[in-house]
Amino acid sequence: MMTPGWWAMALSEAVNDQTPLAVAFAGEELVLFRDASGQAFALEDRCPHRRVPLALGRVVGSGLQCGYHGWTFDGATGSCSQIPNLHAGERVPARYGARAFAVNEANGFIHVWLGEGTPQGELPSSDYQPSGREFTGATIVNMEHDQYLAAMLDGPQCLLEFSHVRMTDFFLGDLRIEQGRMVLERGAVWSTQFLPSQFVLDYPLIVRTAVALQGGMIWVDLLSEEELPLITLMISTGANRRGTTSLCWRGYVHQQVPAKAPLRWRLARLRKQPPLNINSLIDGAAIAALLEASSRELRTLRQPHLIPVSAVV
């Protein structure tokens, strides 16, 4: 469900001045690119002439040239600046423009404003401030967007994995709302632990998931039992075509090393191996087996007319 606002649609390093990047996010299909100075732009990924995707074209100056008939569109305004077969004295009609979107780049994400009105408010990635080794990625998953957000609360172990860590279904405290996000914590154990997780009394790890009540941003933290941060992950999500979901993410590894961390976790850290994996293929049977608990409230609060003022302040 698309809500007006800023959406983080791509990683900064994925957008360049050589190859346009097609993205489908929150029900919109756009093309992202930069000019030679590094300024990022976003246009609707459709030429108004013959509806060919502009992502098949090429960057020309501060605009994008359609690969079909060579029409060129300005990145900032979307206006058509050139049509090859026009005479020198002919003017390009204003109705031939492509839709342009406001763009704001910050903290390694390209943000695009969707919806009506003047762009305003904080960017989704405003509180992402990496302080350790960073890792990134992007993919499209075979799951509908709202269901993906719900599963991140009901069963994040179906969507991502921390290396040498096993998440449990044991909630550590009640569901709560903080800064416009639904937050839930669950216990986790090292994968080397001998006893099954259901027999554990004191969980050595905590997985905290926070899902935005508006937009598509997800925050995931792996914490020690003292609540010291070990890994921080920010995932931007948006509805793609045919019931799929677009993802792009950034995360980083904190400096803390818990005293009870197993040797294999320490070695993987020293070797700078990826500390987690975000699943590109979702196990439908595992998703169907999840109990629908926390996500019920999330679904209610994500309805625009039902979001309380206190939840978004």
C-alpha atoms as a PDB file:
ATOM      1  CA  MET A   1       0.000   0.000   0.000  1.00  0.00           C
ATOM      2  CA  MET A   2       1.566   3.255  -1.132  1.00  0.00           C
ATOM      3  CA  THR A   3       1.466   6.185   1.261  1.00  0.00           C
ATOM      4  CA  PRO A   4       2.629   9.670   0.232  1.00  0.00           C
ATOM      5  CA  GLY A   5       6.103  10.568   1.383  1.00  0.00           C
ATOM      6  CA  TRP A   6       9.775   9.863   0.874  1.00  0.00           C
ATOM      7  CA  TRP A   7      10.672   6.311  -0.192  1.00  0.00           C
ATOM      8  CA  ALA A   8      14.241   4.996  -0.237  1.00  0.00           C
ATOM      9  CA  MET A   9      14.293   3.299  -3.646  1.00  0.00           C
ATOM     10  CA  ALA A  10      17.912   2.425  -4.356  1.00  0.00           C
ATOM     11  CA  LEU A  11      21.401   2.363  -2.947  1.00  0.00           C
ATOM     12  CA  SER A  12      23.476   5.404  -3.864  1.00  0.00           C
ATOM     13  CA  GLU A  13      26.156   3.279  -5.543  1.00  0.00           C
ATOM     14  CA  ALA A  14      23.552   1.598  -7.780  1.00  0.00           C
ATOM     15  CA  VAL A  15      22.724   4.882  -9.561  1.00  0.00           C
ATOM     16  CA  ASN A  16      25.279   6.306 -11.997  1.00  0.00           C
ATOM     17  CA  ASP A  17      25.620   8.543 -15.068  1.00  0.00           C
ATOM     18  CA  GLN A  18      26.193   5.660 -17.475  1.00  0.00           C
ATOM     19  CA  THR A  19      23.325   3.180 -17.201  1.00  0.00           C
ATOM     20  CA  PRO A  20      19.771   4.195 -16.157  1.00  0.00           C
ATOM     21  CA  LEU A  21      18.337   2.100 -13.318  1.00  0.00           C
ATOM     22  CA  ALA A  22      14.737   0.875 -13.541  1.00  0.00           C
ATOM     23  CA  VAL A  23      12.950   0.489 -10.205  1.00  0.00           C
ATOM     24  CA  ALA A  24       9.395  -0.495  -9.306  1.00  0.00           C
ATOM     25  CA  PHE A  25       8.524   0.785  -5.848  1.00  0.00           C
ATOM     26  CA  ALA A  26       5.258   1.402  -4.011  1.00  0.00           C
ATOM     27  CA  GLY A  27       3.249   0.919  -7.199  1.00  0.00           C
ATOM     28  CA  GLU A  28       5.315   3.374  -9.256  1.00  0.00           C
ATOM     29  CA  GLU A  29       7.692   2.439 -12.074  1.00  0.00           C
ATOM     30  CA  LEU A  30      10.606   4.870 -12.304  1.00  0.00           C
ATOM     31  CA  VAL A  31      14.027   5.255 -13.830  1.00  0.00           C
ATOM     32  CA  LEU A  32      16.898   6.682 -11.771  1.00  0.00           C
ATOM     33  CA  PHE A  33      20.102   8.215 -13.151  1.00  0.00           C
ATOM     34  CA  ARG A  34      22.733  10.881 -12.509  1.00  0.00           C
ATOM     35  CA  ASP A  35      24.215  13.647 -14.581  1.00  0.00           C
ATOM     36  CA  ALA A  36      27.967  14.124 -14.963  1.00  0.00           C
ATOM     37  CA  SER A  37      28.126  16.199 -11.757  1.00  0.00           C
ATOM     38  CA  GLY A  38      26.593  13.379  -9.729  1.00  0.00           C
ATOM     39  CA  GLN A  39      23.115  14.866  -9.269  1.00  0.00           C
ATOM     40  CA  ALA A  40      20.466  12.138  -9.062  1.00  0.00           C
ATOM     41  CA  PHE A  41      17.135  12.328 -10.923  1.00  0.00           C
ATOM     42  CA  ALA A  42      13.963  10.251 -11.140  1.00  0.00           C
ATOM     43  CA  LEU A  43      11.504  10.089 -14.039  1.00  0.00           C
ATOM     44  CA  GLU A  44       8.528   7.886 -14.739  1.00  0.00           C
ATOM     45  CA  ASP A  45       9.910   4.912 -16.644  1.00  0.00           C
ATOM     46  CA  ARG A  46       7.766   5.513 -19.704  1.00  0.00           C
ATOM     47  CA  CYS A  47       8.339   7.656 -22.761  1.00  0.00           C
ATOM     48  CA  PRO A  48       5.152   9.687 -23.464  1.00  0.00           C
ATOM     49  CA  HIS A  49       5.687   9.150 -27.201  1.00  0.00           C
ATOM     50  CA  ARG A  50       5.346   5.354 -27.569  1.00  0.00           C
ATOM     51  CA  ARG A  51       5.351   4.259 -23.903  1.00  0.00           C
ATOM     52  CA  VAL A  52       8.741   2.578 -24.210  1.00  0.00           C
ATOM     53  CA  PRO A  53      10.662   2.273 -20.893  1.00  0.00           C
ATOM     54  CA  LEU A  54      13.110   5.159 -20.614  1.00  0.00           C
ATOM     55  CA  ALA A  55      15.473   2.842 -18.732  1.00  0.00           C
ATOM     56  CA  LEU A  56      16.318   1.353 -22.149  1.00  0.00           C
ATOM     57  CA  GLY A  57      17.756   4.711 -23.229  1.00  0.00           C
ATOM     58  CA  ARG A  58      20.934   6.554 -22.295  1.00  0.00           C
ATOM     59  CA  VAL A  59      22.012   9.493 -20.171  1.00  0.00           C
ATOM     60  CA  VAL A  60      22.609  12.674 -22.177  1.00  0.00           C
ATOM     61  CA  GLY A  61      23.878  15.651 -20.182  1.00  0.00           C
ATOM     62  CA  SER A  62      21.363  16.191 -17.373  1.00  0.00           C
ATOM     63  CA  GLY A  63      18.640  14.304 -19.183  1.00  0.00           C
ATOM     64  CA  LEU A  64      17.622  10.919 -20.478  1.00  0.00           C
ATOM     65  CA  GLN A  65      17.296  10.020 -24.162  1.00  0.00           C
ATOM     66  CA  CYS A  66      14.722   7.407 -25.109  1.00  0.00           C
ATOM     67  CA  GLY A  67      16.281   4.450 -26.905  1.00  0.00           C
ATOM     68  CA  TYR A  68      13.364   4.107 -29.348  1.00  0.00           C
ATOM     69  CA  HIS A  69      13.036   7.440 -31.174  1.00  0.00           C
ATOM     70  CA  GLY A  70      15.666   9.547 -29.420  1.00  0.00           C
ATOM     71  CA  TRP A  71      13.405  11.944 -27.559  1.00  0.00           C
ATOM     72  CA  THR A  72      15.350  13.557 -24.675  1.00  0.00           C
ATOM     73  CA  PHE A  73      13.813  14.481 -21.317  1.00  0.00           C
ATOM     74  CA  ASP A  74      15.233  16.819 -18.682  1.00  0.00           C
ATOM     75  CA  GLY A  75      15.959  15.049 -15.394  1.00  0.00           C
ATOM     76  CA  ALA A  76      14.835  17.887 -13.115  1.00  0.00           C
ATOM     77  CA  THR A  77      11.554  18.858 -14.821  1.00  0.00           C
ATOM     78  CA  GLY A  78      10.756  15.947 -17.139  1.00  0.00           C
ATOM     79  CA  SER A  79      10.191  18.344 -20.033  1.00  0.00           C
ATOM     80  CA  CYS A  80      11.083  17.124 -23.508  1.00  0.00           C
ATOM     81  CA  SER A  81      14.140  19.105 -24.576  1.00  0.00           C
ATOM     82  CA  GLN A  82      14.794  17.543 -27.984  1.00  0.00           C
ATOM     83  CA  ILE A  83      13.039  15.581 -30.724  1.00  0.00           C
ATOM     84  CA  PRO A  84      15.451  14.528 -33.494  1.00  0.00           C
ATOM     85  CA  ASN A  85      13.115  15.054 -36.475  1.00  0.00           C
ATOM     86  CA  LEU A  86      11.991  18.586 -35.561  1.00  0.00           C
ATOM     87  CA  HIS A  87      13.289  21.518 -37.572  1.00  0.00           C
ATOM     88  CA  ALA A  88      15.578  24.010 -35.838  1.00  0.00           C
ATOM     89  CA  GLY A  89      12.817  26.582 -35.487  1.00  0.00           C
ATOM     90  CA  GLU A  90      10.148  24.226 -34.173  1.00  0.00           C
ATOM     91  CA  ARG A  91       9.344  24.156 -30.460  1.00  0.00           C
ATOM     92  CA  VAL A  92       8.675  20.986 -28.500  1.00  0.00           C
ATOM     93  CA  PRO A  93       5.059  20.981 -27.208  1.00  0.00           C
ATOM     94  CA  ALA A  94       4.862  21.084 -23.388  1.00  0.00           C
ATOM     95  CA  ARG A  95       2.495  18.099 -23.313  1.00  0.00           C
ATOM     96  CA  TYR A  96       5.329  15.798 -24.382  1.00  0.00           C
ATOM     97  CA  GLY A  97       6.987  15.906 -20.955  1.00  0.00           C
ATOM     98  CA  ALA A  98       7.645  12.900 -18.752  1.00  0.00           C
ATOM     99  CA  ARG A  99       6.669  12.857 -15.069  1.00  0.00           C
ATOM    100  CA  ALA A 100       9.537  13.984 -12.857  1.00  0.00           C
ATOM    101  CA  PHE A 101       9.878  13.197  -9.146  1.00  0.00           C
ATOM    102  CA  ALA A 102      11.691  15.020  -6.363  1.00  0.00           C
ATOM    103  CA  VAL A 103      14.898  13.236  -5.281  1.00  0.00           C
ATOM    104  CA  ASN A 104      16.897  13.480  -2.065  1.00  0.00           C
ATOM    105  CA  GLU A 105      20.051  11.488  -1.408  1.00  0.00           C
ATOM    106  CA  ALA A 106      21.275  10.776   2.120  1.00  0.00           C
ATOM    107  CA  ASN A 107      23.078   8.097   4.134  1.00  0.00           C
ATOM    108  CA  GLY A 108      23.683   5.877   1.124  1.00  0.00           C
ATOM    109  CA  PHE A 109      20.077   5.812  -0.166  1.00  0.00           C
ATOM    110  CA  ILE A 110      18.344   7.530  -3.088  1.00  0.00           C
ATOM    111  CA  HIS A 111      14.980   8.813  -1.817  1.00  0.00           C
ATOM    112  CA  VAL A 112      12.081   9.698  -4.130  1.00  0.00           C
ATOM    113  CA  TRP A 113       8.984  11.646  -3.107  1.00  0.00           C
ATOM    114  CA  LEU A 114       5.738   9.919  -4.049  1.00  0.00           C
ATOM    115  CA  GLY A 115       2.287  11.407  -3.764  1.00  0.00           C
ATOM    116  CA  GLU A 116       0.869  14.888  -3.951  1.00  0.00           C
ATOM    117  CA  GLY A 117       2.029  17.993  -2.164  1.00  0.00           C
ATOM    118  CA  THR A 118       5.370  19.582  -1.434  1.00  0.00           C
ATOM    119  CA  PRO A 119       8.116  17.172  -0.314  1.00  0.00           C
ATOM    120  CA  GLN A 120       8.551  17.450   3.430  1.00  0.00           C
ATOM    121  CA  GLY A 121       9.403  15.501   6.554  1.00  0.00           C
ATOM    122  CA  GLU A 122      12.405  13.423   7.545  1.00  0.00           C
ATOM    123  CA  LEU A 123      13.955  10.961   5.144  1.00  0.00           C
ATOM    124  CA  PRO A 124      13.452   7.264   6.034  1.00  0.00           C
ATOM    125  CA  SER A 125      17.208   6.762   6.387  1.00  0.00           C
ATOM    126  CA  SER A 126      17.765   9.861   8.544  1.00  0.00           C
ATOM    127  CA  ASP A 127      18.797   7.813  11.593  1.00  0.00           C
ATOM    128  CA  TYR A 128      21.087   5.418   9.738  1.00  0.00           C
ATOM    129  CA  GLN A 129      24.613   6.379  10.794  1.00  0.00           C
ATOM    130  CA  PRO A 130      27.046   3.483  10.190  1.00  0.00           C
ATOM    131  CA  SER A 131      30.020   3.254  12.507  1.00  0.00           C
ATOM    132  CA  GLY A 132      31.508  -0.086  11.491  1.00  0.00           C
ATOM    133  CA  ARG A 133      32.089  -2.395   8.534  1.00  0.00           C
ATOM    134  CA  GLU A 134      29.169  -1.910   6.167  1.00  0.00           C
ATOM    135  CA  PHE A 135      27.402  -4.386   3.889  1.00  0.00           C
ATOM    136  CA  THR A 136      24.696  -3.733   1.281  1.00  0.00           C
ATOM    137  CA  GLY A 137      22.410  -5.472  -1.174  1.00  0.00           C
ATOM    138  CA  ALA A 138      19.241  -5.378  -3.247  1.00  0.00           C
ATOM    139  CA  THR A 139      16.810  -7.971  -4.556  1.00  0.00           C
ATOM    140  CA  ILE A 140      13.168  -8.704  -5.422  1.00  0.00           C
ATOM    141  CA  VAL A 141      11.353 -11.299  -3.310  1.00  0.00           C
ATOM    142  CA  ASN A 142       8.411 -13.484  -4.247  1.00  0.00           C
ATOM    143  CA  MET A 143       6.064 -12.050  -1.617  1.00  0.00           C
ATOM    144  CA  GLU A 144       3.432  -9.310  -1.497  1.00  0.00           C
ATOM    145  CA  HIS A 145       4.614  -6.134   0.225  1.00  0.00           C
ATOM    146  CA  ASP A 146       2.204  -5.909   3.168  1.00  0.00           C
ATOM    147  CA  GLN A 147       2.711  -9.621   3.844  1.00  0.00           C
ATOM    148  CA  TYR A 148       6.475  -9.100   3.893  1.00  0.00           C
ATOM    149  CA  LEU A 149       6.139  -6.368   6.526  1.00  0.00           C
ATOM    150  CA  ALA A 150       3.822  -8.583   8.576  1.00  0.00           C
ATOM    151  CA  ALA A 151       6.192 -11.539   8.433  1.00  0.00           C
ATOM    152  CA  MET A 152       9.041  -9.360   9.668  1.00  0.00           C
ATOM    153  CA  LEU A 153       7.158  -9.114  12.966  1.00  0.00           C
ATOM    154  CA  ASP A 154       5.592 -12.583  13.095  1.00  0.00           C
ATOM    155  CA  GLY A 155       8.621 -14.543  11.896  1.00  0.00           C
ATOM    156  CA  PRO A 156      11.731 -12.685  10.706  1.00  0.00           C
ATOM    157  CA  GLN A 157      13.616 -16.000  10.615  1.00  0.00           C
ATOM    158  CA  CYS A 158      11.692 -16.752   7.391  1.00  0.00           C
ATOM    159  CA  LEU A 159      13.082 -13.619   5.740  1.00  0.00           C
ATOM    160  CA  LEU A 160      16.656 -13.251   6.990  1.00  0.00           C
ATOM    161  CA  GLU A 161      19.378 -15.105   8.860  1.00  0.00           C
ATOM    162  CA  PHE A 162      22.164 -13.897  11.117  1.00  0.00           C
ATOM    163  CA  SER A 163      25.295 -16.016  10.747  1.00  0.00           C
ATOM    164  CA  HIS A 164      25.643 -18.602  13.538  1.00  0.00           C
ATOM    165  CA  VAL A 165      22.475 -17.322  15.239  1.00  0.00           C
ATOM    166  CA  ARG A 166      19.081 -18.984  15.617  1.00  0.00           C
ATOM    167  CA  MET A 167      16.023 -16.823  16.254  1.00  0.00           C
ATOM    168  CA  THR A 168      13.236 -18.093  18.493  1.00  0.00           C
ATOM    169  CA  ASP A 169       9.495 -17.430  18.807  1.00  0.00           C
ATOM    170  CA  PHE A 170       9.867 -16.223  22.389  1.00  0.00           C
ATOM    171  CA  PHE A 171       8.910 -12.546  22.713  1.00  0.00           C
ATOM    172  CA  LEU A 172      10.914 -10.453  25.167  1.00  0.00           C
ATOM    173  CA  GLY A 173       8.303  -7.947  26.282  1.00  0.00           C
ATOM    174  CA  ASP A 174       5.196  -6.542  24.678  1.00  0.00           C
ATOM    175  CA  LEU A 175       4.722  -5.041  21.275  1.00  0.00           C
ATOM    176  CA  ARG A 176       5.202  -1.271  21.419  1.00  0.00           C
ATOM    177  CA  ILE A 177       5.108   1.796  19.187  1.00  0.00           C
ATOM    178  CA  GLU A 178       8.083   4.140  19.107  1.00  0.00           C
ATOM    179  CA  GLN A 179       8.686   7.049  16.710  1.00  0.00           C
ATOM    180  CA  GLY A 180       6.103   5.848  14.202  1.00  0.00           C
ATOM    181  CA  ARG A 181       7.375   2.251  14.240  1.00  0.00           C
ATOM    182  CA  MET A 182       5.987  -1.002  15.599  1.00  0.00           C
ATOM    183  CA  VAL A 183       8.766  -2.600  17.641  1.00  0.00           C
ATOM    184  CA  LEU A 184       9.092  -6.171  18.881  1.00  0.00           C
ATOM    185  CA  GLU A 185      11.962  -8.056  20.515  1.00  0.00           C
ATOM    186  CA  ARG A 186      12.506 -11.807  20.544  1.00  0.00           C
ATOM    187  CA  GLY A 187      15.097 -14.068  22.046  1.00  0.00           C
ATOM    188  CA  ALA A 188      17.854 -15.651  19.975  1.00  0.00           C
ATOM    189  CA  VAL A 189      20.590 -18.198  20.661  1.00  0.00           C
ATOM    190  CA  TRP A 190      23.938 -19.113  19.155  1.00  0.00           C
ATOM    191  CA  SER A 191      23.599 -21.955  16.657  1.00  0.00           C
ATOM    192  CA  THR A 192      26.244 -23.887  18.613  1.00  0.00           C
ATOM    193  CA  GLN A 193      24.011 -24.069  21.682  1.00  0.00           C
ATOM    194  CA  PHE A 194      23.366 -27.653  22.787  1.00  0.00           C
ATOM    195  CA  LEU A 195      19.895 -27.294  24.307  1.00  0.00           C
ATOM    196  CA  PRO A 196      16.872 -26.573  22.066  1.00  0.00           C
ATOM    197  CA  SER A 197      15.864 -22.929  22.257  1.00  0.00           C
ATOM    198  CA  GLN A 198      12.559 -23.729  24.025  1.00  0.00           C
ATOM    199  CA  PHE A 199      14.528 -24.908  27.077  1.00  0.00           C
ATOM    200  CA  VAL A 200      16.594 -21.726  27.367  1.00  0.00           C
ATOM    201  CA  LEU A 201      15.867 -19.474  30.338  1.00  0.00           C
ATOM    202  CA  ASP A 202      18.223 -16.581  29.621  1.00  0.00           C
ATOM    203  CA  TYR A 203      18.609 -15.755  25.972  1.00  0.00           C
ATOM    204  CA  PRO A 204      22.160 -14.625  25.082  1.00  0.00           C
ATOM    205  CA  LEU A 205      20.936 -12.578  22.116  1.00  0.00           C
ATOM    206  CA  ILE A 206      18.046 -10.292  21.223  1.00  0.00           C
ATOM    207  CA  VAL A 207      16.604  -9.607  17.777  1.00  0.00           C
ATOM    208  CA  ARG A 208      14.735  -6.316  17.625  1.00  0.00           C
ATOM    209  CA  THR A 209      12.540  -5.644  14.585  1.00  0.00           C
ATOM    210  CA  ALA A 210      10.858  -2.306  13.920  1.00  0.00           C
ATOM    211  CA  VAL A 211       8.421  -1.791  11.036  1.00  0.00           C
ATOM    212  CA  ALA A 212       7.336   1.684   9.956  1.00  0.00           C
ATOM    213  CA  LEU A 213       3.634   2.493  10.249  1.00  0.00           C
ATOM    214  CA  GLN A 214       3.934   4.501   7.042  1.00  0.00           C
ATOM    215  CA  GLY A 215       6.192   3.852   4.079  1.00  0.00           C
ATOM    216  CA  GLY A 216       8.283   0.715   3.760  1.00  0.00           C
ATOM    217  CA  MET A 217      11.326   0.959   6.018  1.00  0.00           C
ATOM    218  CA  ILE A 218      12.336  -1.857   8.372  1.00  0.00           C
ATOM    219  CA  TRP A 219      14.994  -1.698  11.095  1.00  0.00           C
ATOM    220  CA  VAL A 220      16.566  -4.883  12.473  1.00  0.00           C
ATOM    221  CA  ASP A 221      19.114  -5.022  15.302  1.00  0.00           C
ATOM    222  CA  LEU A 222      20.989  -7.980  16.740  1.00  0.00           C
ATOM    223  CA  LEU A 223      21.800  -7.201  20.379  1.00  0.00           C
ATOM    224  CA  SER A 224      23.672  -8.926  23.161  1.00  0.00           C
ATOM    225  CA  GLU A 225      21.792  -9.904  26.331  1.00  0.00           C
ATOM    226  CA  GLU A 226      23.034  -6.596  27.813  1.00  0.00           C
ATOM    227  CA  GLU A 227      21.378  -4.877  24.814  1.00  0.00           C
ATOM    228  CA  LEU A 228      24.686  -3.827  23.300  1.00  0.00           C
ATOM    229  CA  PRO A 229      24.292  -3.528  19.507  1.00  0.00           C
ATOM    230  CA  LEU A 230      26.139  -6.142  17.451  1.00  0.00           C
ATOM    231  CA  ILE A 231      24.615  -5.689  13.972  1.00  0.00           C
ATOM    232  CA  THR A 232      22.312  -2.943  12.673  1.00  0.00           C
ATOM    233  CA  LEU A 233      20.344  -3.383   9.460  1.00  0.00           C
ATOM    234  CA  MET A 234      18.060  -1.013   7.565  1.00  0.00           C
ATOM    235  CA  ILE A 235      15.873  -2.507   4.825  1.00  0.00           C
ATOM    236  CA  SER A 236      13.851  -0.382   2.412  1.00  0.00           C
ATOM    237  CA  THR A 237      10.852  -2.196   0.947  1.00  0.00           C
ATOM    238  CA  GLY A 238       8.220  -1.350  -1.653  1.00  0.00           C
ATOM    239  CA  ALA A 239       5.559  -3.057  -3.735  1.00  0.00           C
ATOM    240  CA  ASN A 240       6.843  -4.324  -7.081  1.00  0.00           C
ATOM    241  CA  ARG A 241       4.922  -5.886  -9.975  1.00  0.00           C
ATOM    242  CA  ARG A 242       2.751  -9.020  -9.752  1.00  0.00           C
ATOM    243  CA  GLY A 243       2.692  -9.299  -5.987  1.00  0.00           C
ATOM    244  CA  THR A 244       6.441  -9.122  -5.427  1.00  0.00           C
ATOM    245  CA  THR A 245       8.462  -6.786  -3.196  1.00  0.00           C
ATOM    246  CA  SER A 246      11.551  -4.702  -3.956  1.00  0.00           C
ATOM    247  CA  LEU A 247      14.264  -4.607  -1.288  1.00  0.00           C
ATOM    248  CA  CYS A 248      17.470  -2.649  -0.842  1.00  0.00           C
ATOM    249  CA  TRP A 249      19.428  -2.547   2.384  1.00  0.00           C
ATOM    250  CA  ARG A 250      22.434  -1.267   4.235  1.00  0.00           C
ATOM    251  CA  GLY A 251      23.840  -2.551   7.493  1.00  0.00           C
ATOM    252  CA  TYR A 252      26.960  -2.500   9.582  1.00  0.00           C
ATOM    253  CA  VAL A 253      28.791  -4.504  12.245  1.00  0.00           C
ATOM    254  CA  HIS A 254      29.395  -2.808  15.583  1.00  0.00           C
ATOM    255  CA  GLN A 255      32.678  -2.983  17.455  1.00  0.00           C
ATOM    256  CA  GLN A 256      31.335  -4.932  20.446  1.00  0.00           C
ATOM    257  CA  VAL A 257      32.137  -8.643  20.694  1.00  0.00           C
ATOM    258  CA  PRO A 258      30.022 -10.453  23.308  1.00  0.00           C
ATOM    259  CA  ALA A 259      31.996 -12.515  25.817  1.00  0.00           C
ATOM    260  CA  LYS A 260      29.920 -15.636  25.113  1.00  0.00           C
ATOM    261  CA  ALA A 261      30.261 -15.453  21.331  1.00  0.00           C
ATOM    262  CA  PRO A 262      31.343 -18.821  19.851  1.00  0.00           C
ATOM    263  CA  LEU A 263      34.674 -19.203  18.098  1.00  0.00           C
ATOM    264  CA  ARG A 264      33.126 -19.617  14.645  1.00  0.00           C
ATOM    265  CA  TRP A 265      31.319 -16.284  15.002  1.00  0.00           C
ATOM    266  CA  ARG A 266      34.547 -14.572  16.038  1.00  0.00           C
ATOM    267  CA  LEU A 267      36.470 -16.135  13.137  1.00  0.00           C
ATOM    268  CA  ALA A 268      33.815 -15.106  10.620  1.00  0.00           C
ATOM    269  CA  ARG A 269      34.043 -11.571  11.962  1.00  0.00           C
ATOM    270  CA  LEU A 270      37.836 -11.503  11.627  1.00  0.00           C
ATOM    271  CA  ARG A 271      37.575 -12.813   8.060  1.00  0.00           C
ATOM    272  CA  LYS A 272      34.983 -10.111   7.274  1.00  0.00           C
ATOM    273  CA  GLN A 273      32.474 -12.685   6.101  1.00  0.00           C
ATOM    274  CA  PRO A 274      28.866 -11.501   5.552  1.00  0.00           C
ATOM    275  CA  PRO A 275      27.195 -11.404   8.977  1.00  0.00           C
ATOM    276  CA  LEU A 276      23.707 -12.115   7.642  1.00  0.00           C
ATOM    277  CA  ASN A 277      21.713 -13.197   4.633  1.00  0.00           C
ATOM    278  CA  ILE A 278      18.466 -11.692   3.370  1.00  0.00           C
ATOM    279  CA  ASN A 279      16.509 -14.386   1.578  1.00  0.00           C
ATOM    280  CA  SER A 280      15.761 -13.734  -2.090  1.00  0.00           C
ATOM    281  CA  LEU A 281      13.479 -16.793  -2.256  1.00  0.00           C
ATOM    282  CA  ILE A 282      10.819 -17.034   0.440  1.00  0.00           C
ATOM    283  CA  ASP A 283       9.623 -20.430   1.678  1.00  0.00           C
ATOM    284  CA  GLY A 284       5.838 -20.283   1.260  1.00  0.00           C
ATOM    285  CA  ALA A 285       5.242 -23.212   3.590  1.00  0.00           C
ATOM    286  CA  ALA A 286       7.245 -21.527   6.365  1.00  0.00           C
ATOM    287  CA  ILE A 287       5.311 -18.279   5.907  1.00  0.00           C
ATOM    288  CA  ALA A 288       1.968 -20.109   5.977  1.00  0.00           C
ATOM    289  CA  ALA A 289       2.962 -21.808   9.240  1.00  0.00           C
ATOM    290  CA  LEU A 290       3.594 -18.505  11.044  1.00  0.00           C
ATOM    291  CA  LEU A 291       1.098 -17.519  13.711  1.00  0.00           C
ATOM    292  CA  GLU A 292      -0.546 -14.215  12.844  1.00  0.00           C
ATOM    293  CA  ALA A 293       0.001 -12.269  16.037  1.00  0.00           C
ATOM    294  CA  SER A 294       1.797  -8.919  16.065  1.00  0.00           C
ATOM    295  CA  SER A 295       1.032  -8.249  12.426  1.00  0.00           C
ATOM    296  CA  ARG A 296      -2.691  -7.924  13.125  1.00  0.00           C
ATOM    297  CA  GLU A 297      -2.117  -4.641  14.907  1.00  0.00           C
ATOM    298  CA  LEU A 298       0.371  -3.569  12.242  1.00  0.00           C
ATOM    299  CA  ARG A 299      -2.202  -4.092   9.499  1.00  0.00           C
ATOM    300  CA  THR A 300      -4.730  -1.967  11.391  1.00  0.00           C
ATOM    301  CA  LEU A 301      -2.326   0.872  12.132  1.00  0.00           C
ATOM    302  CA  ARG A 302      -0.989   1.010   8.564  1.00  0.00           C
ATOM    303  CA  GLN A 303      -4.448   1.990   7.338  1.00  0.00           C
ATOM    304  CA  PRO A 304      -3.977   5.754   6.663  1.00  0.00           C
ATOM    305  CA  HIS A 305      -7.245   6.836   8.271  1.00  0.00           C
ATOM    306  CA  LEU A 306      -6.622   4.805  11.420  1.00  0.00           C
ATOM    307  CA  ILE A 307      -3.069   5.889  12.283  1.00  0.00           C
ATOM    308  CA  PRO A 308      -3.236   7.801  15.584  1.00  0.00           C
ATOM    309  CA  VAL A 309      -1.445  11.131  15.750  1.00  0.00           C
ATOM    310  CA  SER A 310       0.691   9.907  18.664  1.00  0.00           C
ATOM    311  CA  ALA A 311       2.042   7.082  16.501  1.00  0.00           C
ATOM    312  CA  VAL A 312       3.590   9.308  13.880  1.00  0.00           C
ATOM    313  CA  VAL A 313       4.899  12.208  15.970  1.00  0.00           C
END
